[in-house]
Protein backbone atom coordinates (compact mmCIF):
# COMPACT_ATOMS: atom_id res chain seq x y z
CA MET A 1 -13.83 1.40 18.38
CA LYS A 2 -13.51 -1.08 15.50
CA LEU A 3 -10.49 -1.02 13.21
CA GLU A 4 -12.59 -0.53 10.09
CA SER A 5 -14.43 2.47 11.53
CA ILE A 6 -11.06 4.05 12.35
CA ALA A 7 -9.75 3.44 8.83
CA THR A 8 -12.83 4.86 7.12
CA ARG A 9 -12.10 8.28 8.60
CA PHE A 10 -8.93 8.55 6.55
CA ARG A 11 -10.23 7.34 3.17
CA ILE A 12 -10.43 10.16 0.63
CA ASP A 13 -13.92 9.83 -0.82
CA LYS A 14 -14.23 13.44 -2.00
CA PRO A 15 -10.87 14.13 -3.65
CA GLU A 16 -12.03 17.36 -5.25
CA LYS A 17 -12.25 18.86 -1.75
CA PHE A 18 -9.04 17.32 -0.44
CA ARG A 19 -6.52 19.57 1.30
CA LEU A 20 -3.48 17.96 2.84
CA SER A 21 -3.10 20.81 5.32
CA LYS A 22 -6.36 19.72 6.99
CA HIS A 23 -4.92 16.29 7.85
CA ASP A 24 -3.00 16.14 11.12
CA PRO A 25 -0.02 13.72 11.06
CA GLY A 26 -0.40 13.31 14.84
CA GLU A 27 -4.10 12.39 14.79
CA CYS A 28 -5.09 9.39 16.93
CA CYS A 29 -8.91 9.70 16.87
CA ASP A 30 -8.76 10.55 20.58
CA LEU A 31 -7.90 6.93 21.38
CA SER A 32 -6.60 6.81 24.93
CA ILE A 33 -5.09 3.34 24.92
CA ASP A 34 -1.71 2.07 25.99
CA LYS A 35 0.73 0.10 23.84
CA ALA A 36 -0.58 -3.22 25.14
CA GLU A 37 -4.15 -2.38 24.07
CA ALA A 38 -2.92 -1.17 20.68
CA LYS A 39 -1.05 -4.45 20.19
CA THR A 40 -4.20 -6.40 21.08
CA MET A 41 -6.27 -4.44 18.56
CA LEU A 42 -3.64 -4.95 15.88
CA ALA A 43 -3.40 -8.68 16.66
CA GLU A 44 -7.15 -9.02 16.19
CA GLY A 45 -6.90 -7.27 12.84
CA ILE A 46 -3.99 -9.46 11.76
CA ALA A 47 -5.98 -12.59 12.67
CA ARG A 48 -8.87 -11.43 10.49
CA LEU A 49 -6.43 -10.59 7.70
CA SER A 50 -4.92 -14.07 7.92
CA THR A 51 -8.36 -15.63 7.46
CA MET A 52 -9.08 -13.37 4.51
CA GLN A 53 -5.75 -14.28 2.92
CA GLU A 54 -6.58 -17.99 3.08
CA LYS A 55 -9.93 -17.36 1.41
CA LEU A 56 -8.31 -15.08 -1.18
CA TYR A 57 -5.90 -17.85 -2.16
CA ALA A 58 -8.58 -20.55 -2.22
CA ASP A 59 -11.07 -18.41 -4.14
CA SER A 60 -8.38 -17.39 -6.67
CA ARG A 61 -10.52 -14.80 -8.46
CA TRP A 62 -9.16 -11.71 -6.77
CA SER A 63 -5.79 -10.22 -5.96
CA VAL A 64 -4.91 -7.37 -3.60
CA LEU A 65 -2.49 -4.54 -4.39
CA ILE A 66 -1.35 -2.37 -1.48
CA VAL A 67 0.48 0.81 -2.47
CA LEU A 68 2.59 2.61 0.17
CA GLN A 69 3.87 6.13 -0.47
CA ALA A 70 5.50 8.49 1.99
CA MET A 71 8.38 10.79 2.71
CA ASP A 72 11.51 9.16 4.09
CA ALA A 73 11.32 7.80 7.67
CA ALA A 74 7.52 7.65 7.65
CA GLY A 75 7.63 3.97 8.67
CA LYS A 76 6.80 2.00 5.52
CA ASP A 77 9.17 -0.89 6.28
CA SER A 78 8.05 -1.33 9.89
CA LEU A 79 4.42 -1.08 8.79
CA ILE A 80 4.86 -4.00 6.39
CA LYS A 81 6.67 -5.98 9.08
CA HIS A 82 3.97 -5.52 11.72
CA VAL A 83 0.74 -5.55 9.72
CA MET A 84 1.70 -8.52 7.56
CA SER A 85 3.28 -10.48 10.43
CA GLY A 86 0.44 -12.99 10.69
CA VAL A 87 -0.11 -13.80 7.02
CA ASN A 88 1.41 -16.64 5.04
CA PRO A 89 4.59 -15.20 3.45
CA GLN A 90 4.15 -17.53 0.47
CA GLY A 91 1.06 -15.55 -0.51
CA VAL A 92 2.58 -12.06 -0.25
CA ASP A 93 4.95 -10.31 -2.64
CA VAL A 94 6.70 -7.12 -1.51
CA HIS A 95 8.52 -4.99 -4.05
CA SER A 96 10.48 -1.81 -3.40
CA PHE A 97 10.87 0.42 -6.44
CA LYS A 98 14.25 2.09 -6.71
CA GLN A 99 15.61 4.25 -9.53
CA PRO A 100 14.59 2.63 -12.82
CA SER A 101 17.10 0.49 -14.69
CA ASP A 102 18.10 1.06 -18.32
CA GLU A 103 15.71 -1.69 -19.36
CA GLU A 104 12.85 -0.09 -17.43
CA LEU A 105 13.63 3.32 -18.93
CA SER A 106 13.29 1.82 -22.40
CA HIS A 107 9.58 1.21 -21.72
CA ASP A 108 6.65 3.42 -20.69
CA PHE A 109 6.54 4.54 -17.05
CA LEU A 110 3.93 1.95 -16.02
CA TRP A 111 5.72 -1.03 -17.55
CA ARG A 112 7.92 -1.87 -14.58
CA VAL A 113 5.05 -1.88 -12.09
CA ALA A 114 2.92 -4.01 -14.41
CA GLN A 115 5.63 -6.70 -14.17
CA ARG A 116 5.16 -6.84 -10.39
CA LEU A 117 1.38 -6.99 -10.09
CA PRO A 118 0.07 -9.76 -7.80
CA ALA A 119 -1.40 -12.87 -9.40
CA ASN A 120 -4.89 -14.05 -8.54
CA GLY A 121 -5.06 -15.24 -4.95
CA ARG A 122 -2.07 -13.19 -3.83
CA ILE A 123 -1.36 -9.95 -2.00
CA GLY A 124 1.16 -7.55 -3.53
CA ILE A 125 2.75 -4.66 -1.66
CA PHE A 126 4.46 -1.79 -3.48
CA ASN A 127 6.92 0.05 -1.23
CA ARG A 128 6.92 3.18 -3.40
CA SER A 129 5.31 2.66 -6.77
CA HIS A 130 4.25 4.16 -10.09
CA TYR A 131 3.45 7.31 -8.09
CA GLU A 132 7.15 8.10 -7.95
CA GLU A 133 6.66 9.20 -11.56
CA VAL A 134 4.53 12.14 -10.42
CA LEU A 135 6.53 12.79 -7.25
CA THR A 136 10.30 12.29 -7.37
CA VAL A 137 10.48 12.70 -11.14
CA ARG A 138 8.43 15.89 -10.84
CA MET A 139 10.91 17.25 -8.27
CA HIS A 140 13.96 16.33 -10.37
CA PRO A 141 13.76 17.25 -14.06
CA GLU A 142 17.03 15.43 -14.75
CA LEU A 143 15.24 12.14 -14.05
CA LEU A 144 12.62 12.98 -16.64
CA LYS A 145 15.31 13.59 -19.26
CA ARG A 146 16.52 10.01 -18.78
CA GLN A 147 13.14 8.75 -19.99
CA LYS A 148 13.78 10.14 -23.50
CA LEU A 149 10.18 11.07 -24.12
CA PRO A 150 9.05 12.37 -27.54
CA PRO A 151 8.68 16.18 -27.65
CA GLN A 152 4.88 16.12 -27.65
CA SER A 153 4.85 14.08 -24.40
CA ALA A 154 7.23 16.21 -22.37
CA GLY A 155 5.39 19.51 -22.13
CA LYS A 156 3.57 21.23 -19.26
CA ALA A 157 0.60 18.87 -19.57
CA LEU A 158 2.75 15.82 -18.79
CA TRP A 159 1.68 15.43 -15.15
CA HIS A 160 -2.03 15.64 -15.94
CA GLN A 161 -1.50 13.07 -18.70
CA ARG A 162 0.21 10.76 -16.23
CA PHE A 163 -2.57 11.17 -13.69
CA LYS A 164 -5.02 10.18 -16.41
CA ASP A 165 -2.87 7.17 -17.37
CA ILE A 166 -2.68 6.07 -13.73
CA ARG A 167 -6.43 6.38 -13.24
CA THR A 168 -7.06 4.30 -16.36
CA PHE A 169 -4.45 1.73 -15.30
CA GLU A 170 -5.96 1.30 -11.84
CA GLU A 171 -9.50 1.20 -13.22
CA HIS A 172 -8.39 -1.61 -15.52
CA LEU A 173 -6.90 -3.51 -12.57
CA ALA A 174 -10.11 -3.12 -10.54
CA ARG A 175 -12.27 -4.36 -13.42
CA ASN A 176 -10.12 -7.44 -13.70
CA GLY A 177 -10.23 -8.45 -10.06
CA THR A 178 -7.46 -6.52 -8.31
CA LEU A 179 -8.44 -4.76 -5.10
CA VAL A 180 -6.32 -1.58 -5.11
CA LEU A 181 -5.68 0.16 -1.77
CA LYS A 182 -3.31 3.13 -1.56
CA PHE A 183 -1.83 4.60 1.62
CA PHE A 184 0.00 7.89 2.03
CA LEU A 185 1.78 7.77 5.39
CA ASN A 186 1.48 11.38 6.45
CA VAL A 187 4.46 12.07 8.67
CA SER A 188 5.20 15.62 9.89
CA ARG A 189 8.43 17.40 9.09
CA ASP A 190 9.27 17.63 12.80
CA GLU A 191 8.74 13.90 13.32
CA GLN A 192 10.88 13.09 10.28
CA ARG A 193 13.66 15.21 11.78
CA ARG A 194 13.38 13.33 15.08
CA ARG A 195 13.56 9.96 13.31
CA PHE A 196 16.54 11.03 11.22
CA LEU A 197 18.39 12.03 14.40
CA ASP A 198 17.43 8.70 15.96
CA ARG A 199 18.92 6.86 12.99
CA ILE A 200 22.16 8.79 13.30
CA GLU A 201 22.41 8.19 17.05
CA GLN A 202 21.82 4.44 16.92
CA PRO A 203 24.58 2.36 15.25
CA GLY A 204 22.05 -0.30 14.24
CA LYS A 205 20.03 2.24 12.29
CA ARG A 206 22.75 4.37 10.70
CA TRP A 207 22.80 2.26 7.55
CA LYS A 208 19.28 3.52 6.79
CA PHE A 209 20.42 7.13 6.60
CA SER A 210 21.43 8.73 3.33
CA MET A 211 22.58 12.27 2.63
CA SER A 212 20.03 12.34 -0.19
CA ASP A 213 17.36 12.19 2.55
CA VAL A 214 18.47 15.62 3.72
CA ALA A 215 18.40 16.97 0.17
CA GLU A 216 14.84 15.73 -0.34
CA ARG A 217 13.84 17.26 3.00
CA LYS A 218 14.65 20.71 1.60
CA LEU A 219 11.94 20.13 -1.02
CA TRP A 220 9.29 19.36 1.62
CA PRO A 221 6.76 22.09 0.60
CA LYS A 222 6.98 21.08 -3.07
CA TYR A 223 6.50 17.41 -2.16
CA MET A 224 3.43 18.26 -0.09
CA ASP A 225 1.94 20.14 -3.04
CA ALA A 226 2.69 17.19 -5.31
CA TYR A 227 1.07 14.74 -2.88
CA GLU A 228 -2.02 16.91 -2.67
CA ASP A 229 -2.25 17.01 -6.47
CA LEU A 230 -1.88 13.26 -6.94
CA ILE A 231 -4.40 12.38 -4.21
CA ARG A 232 -6.95 14.78 -5.65
CA GLU A 233 -6.35 13.43 -9.15
CA THR A 234 -6.22 9.70 -8.42
CA SER A 235 -8.34 8.84 -5.36
CA ARG A 236 -11.30 7.04 -6.89
CA PRO A 237 -13.83 4.49 -5.52
CA GLU A 238 -12.10 1.65 -7.36
CA ALA A 239 -8.66 2.69 -6.06
CA PRO A 240 -8.99 4.95 -3.00
CA TRP A 241 -6.26 6.80 -1.16
CA PHE A 242 -6.04 6.71 2.62
CA VAL A 243 -4.14 9.63 4.15
CA VAL A 244 -2.84 7.96 7.30
CA PRO A 245 -1.43 9.89 10.28
CA ALA A 246 2.13 8.62 10.66
CA ASP A 247 3.64 10.44 13.64
CA ASN A 248 2.50 7.60 15.92
CA LYS A 249 3.44 4.27 14.39
CA TRP A 250 1.05 2.23 16.54
CA PHE A 251 -1.88 4.25 15.18
CA THR A 252 -0.61 4.08 11.59
CA ARG A 253 -0.61 0.30 11.80
CA LEU A 254 -4.16 0.18 13.17
CA VAL A 255 -5.48 2.37 10.36
CA VAL A 256 -3.79 0.40 7.57
CA ALA A 257 -4.74 -2.99 9.03
CA GLY A 258 -8.34 -1.83 9.44
CA ALA A 259 -8.55 -0.55 5.88
CA ILE A 260 -7.18 -3.78 4.40
CA VAL A 261 -9.39 -6.05 6.51
CA ASP A 262 -12.50 -4.00 5.81
CA ALA A 263 -11.92 -3.94 2.04
CA MET A 264 -11.14 -7.66 1.83
CA GLU A 265 -14.15 -8.63 3.90
CA ARG A 266 -16.33 -6.63 1.52
CA LEU A 267 -15.23 -8.97 -1.28
CA LYS A 268 -17.36 -11.70 0.38
CA LEU A 269 -14.63 -14.28 -0.17
CA GLU A 270 -15.54 -17.91 0.49
CA PHE A 271 -13.75 -21.22 0.38
CA PRO A 272 -14.77 -23.14 -2.77
CA ARG A 273 -17.52 -25.68 -2.15
CA VAL A 274 -16.77 -29.30 -3.02
CA GLU A 275 -19.87 -30.86 -4.53
CA GLY A 276 -21.09 -33.58 -6.86
CA LYS A 277 -18.57 -36.07 -8.21
CA ALA A 278 -15.65 -34.45 -6.38
CA LEU A 279 -17.48 -34.73 -3.05
CA LYS A 280 -18.30 -38.40 -3.66
CA GLU A 281 -14.63 -39.06 -4.41
CA LEU A 282 -13.61 -37.39 -1.14
CA GLN A 283 -16.15 -39.45 0.78
CA ALA A 284 -14.78 -42.62 -0.81
CA VAL A 285 -11.22 -41.62 0.16
CA ARG A 286 -12.36 -40.90 3.72
CA ALA A 287 -14.00 -44.31 3.95
CA ALA A 288 -10.85 -46.01 2.68
CA LEU A 289 -8.59 -44.10 5.10
CA THR A 290 -10.94 -44.81 8.02
CA ALA A 291 -10.90 -48.52 7.20
CA GLU A 292 -7.12 -48.72 7.30
CA LYS A 293 -5.62 -50.43 10.27
CA SER A 294 -3.50 -48.14 12.45
């Protein structure tokens, strides 16, 4: 089975019919492969991604924005580490969005992400993103108060207004040459519990654990409802969501790698052709270098 055919299964093309409850976090597409085979498949995908990255940089007309959203312990950090392991780090920008600063709060909610968008020829990865504004902020009204919104912008219609703003923002990015790919790493509550316990048991992982993780876990049903809303409202052809099973990290990585490779290959990227005067100059330089005595 090809990586891209695996990834396509998890792209949300009909958001109006999307129900998160119908997506199994433990899904593996009935792949009966061992870890060695999974690593081989991933390595092949990474090699293709590396080639696409070189062409992306040389072509310099497109950029790629990868958005990662998930509950805690879903594996975002390890996903970035493994899937992007074969690309040139000089061409990739990773940004993790924490609680907004005072400066960021003095602007509209999309301002801080706009500052971090990838330039032409580059890949940008958002570890959490503008979607926190319709997730965490929605769960915690006190965070919304910090934004000091005018009265007419803080009513019940706020979340629908933000969905509309996000759709418009991402449509604008797509029109101007940014390939937008969004991944919700769908980890189960039971698997999150297991990973939290693993962090506590292992001294090298304890630093990752925060008591706030437990507090957020209590809001699990509300978060799932919020994720369902945002995916239904913002998965569009120009900026699709992929709901990726995340209970098995090896499979998560295959799906994400396949989706990125497939989308980039569809851009039909090519190395710029050197022709005319520039080609003649290169030929003259080659002749001169060839004629040099070693």
